[in-house]
Every structure is written in C-alpha cells, then in structure tokens.
Protein backbone atom coordinates (compact mmCIF):
# COMPACT_ATOMS: atom_id res chain seq x y z
CA MET A 1 -2.59 -14.25 9.08
CA LYS A 2 0.15 -12.10 10.60
CA TYR A 3 2.02 -9.77 8.29
CA PRO A 4 5.80 -9.62 8.75
CA PRO A 5 7.23 -6.48 10.32
CA PRO A 6 7.55 -3.68 7.81
CA ALA A 7 10.83 -3.81 5.93
CA THR A 8 10.07 -0.31 4.76
CA PRO A 9 9.43 2.27 7.51
CA GLU A 10 6.84 5.01 7.21
CA GLY A 11 8.22 8.09 5.51
CA SER A 12 10.37 6.04 3.12
CA ARG A 13 10.45 6.76 -0.58
CA VAL A 14 9.00 3.79 -2.48
CA ARG A 15 8.09 2.81 -6.01
CA ILE A 16 4.68 1.40 -6.95
CA GLN A 17 2.85 0.58 -10.15
CA LEU A 18 -0.03 2.97 -10.75
CA HIS A 19 -2.87 1.70 -12.97
CA GLU A 20 -4.83 4.54 -14.60
CA GLY A 21 -7.00 4.50 -17.71
CA GLY A 22 -5.53 1.27 -19.05
CA THR A 23 -1.95 2.48 -18.55
CA VAL A 24 0.53 1.13 -16.00
CA THR A 25 3.20 3.54 -14.77
CA ASP A 26 5.99 3.09 -12.22
CA VAL A 27 5.89 6.06 -9.84
CA GLU A 28 8.01 7.15 -6.89
CA CYS A 29 6.07 8.21 -3.80
CA THR A 30 6.09 8.21 0.03
CA LEU A 31 4.90 5.43 2.34
CA VAL A 32 2.64 6.96 5.02
CA GLY A 33 1.03 3.94 6.67
CA ASP A 34 1.44 0.19 7.12
CA TYR A 35 -1.89 -1.41 8.05
CA GLY A 36 -0.66 -5.03 8.15
CA ASP A 37 -1.64 -5.58 11.80
CA GLU A 38 -5.11 -4.14 11.30
CA ILE A 39 -5.74 -6.29 8.23
CA ALA A 40 -4.47 -9.39 10.04
CA ALA A 41 -6.89 -8.67 12.91
CA LEU A 42 -9.79 -8.79 10.43
CA ARG A 43 -8.80 -12.35 9.45
CA ASN A 44 -9.97 -11.60 5.91
CA ASP A 45 -13.53 -11.11 7.17
CA VAL A 46 -14.66 -7.62 6.21
CA GLY A 47 -18.19 -8.72 5.38
CA ARG A 48 -17.76 -8.43 1.62
CA GLN A 49 -15.66 -9.76 -1.24
CA TRP A 50 -15.21 -6.43 -3.07
CA ALA A 51 -12.92 -3.51 -2.16
CA ARG A 52 -10.56 -5.60 -0.07
CA PRO A 53 -8.30 -3.63 2.31
CA GLN A 54 -4.75 -2.92 1.16
CA ARG A 55 -1.67 -3.01 3.42
CA TYR A 56 0.11 0.25 2.60
CA GLY A 57 -1.05 3.88 2.48
CA ILE A 58 0.94 5.84 -0.10
CA VAL A 59 1.02 9.57 -0.91
CA LEU A 60 1.86 10.31 -4.52
CA ASP A 61 4.02 13.34 -5.24
CA ASP A 62 0.95 15.14 -6.63
CA GLY A 63 -0.80 14.74 -3.24
CA ARG A 64 -3.16 11.85 -4.03
CA LEU A 65 -3.55 9.10 -1.43
CA VAL A 66 -3.58 5.52 -2.75
CA PHE A 67 -3.46 2.06 -1.15
CA THR A 68 -1.54 -1.01 -2.30
CA ASP A 69 -0.19 -4.35 -1.10
CA VAL A 70 3.12 -4.11 -2.99
CA VAL A 71 5.89 -1.52 -2.61
CA ALA A 72 9.55 -1.47 -3.61
CA ARG A 73 11.85 0.60 -1.43
CA ILE A 74 14.07 3.10 -3.17
CA ASP A 75 17.55 3.03 -1.64
C-alpha cells in the first residue's frame, strides 16, 4: 500500500479528535511528521496485531506527542 503524498505539510496547524477518559475533544495542534512511506514499506507486517503504527506525528499545544491516521488541516 502506498500512501498518497501529504496534503498537509509538516509544521501545519491541524485539528484532530483526542480520546481521553471516555471523552472525545476536537483539538488544534501541529503536524510534525508524516510516516506514510515508512508504514507502506512495512506492508502491514509489524509482527503483531496490536499497537498498529499511525501515519501522523502530532504535537499538542501542551507539548504531548500523539499519533493518528486522520488530520484535518486548519486553513
């Protein structure tokens, strides 16, 4: 599987849904990495079925690093 080129460049402000303690919140944050090519190179074979890799590295405004497959660019 080959991911399409990133429509959202690194450093862009994005919005994601953050799931914490049974609550879902939309948060604005910064995209710091797109790992689509690396994930595609694995061909979905990471040797396990749990903790699957996510495409995007995101830094929340409070400094936490999270990973997700879905981002919405803020224009």
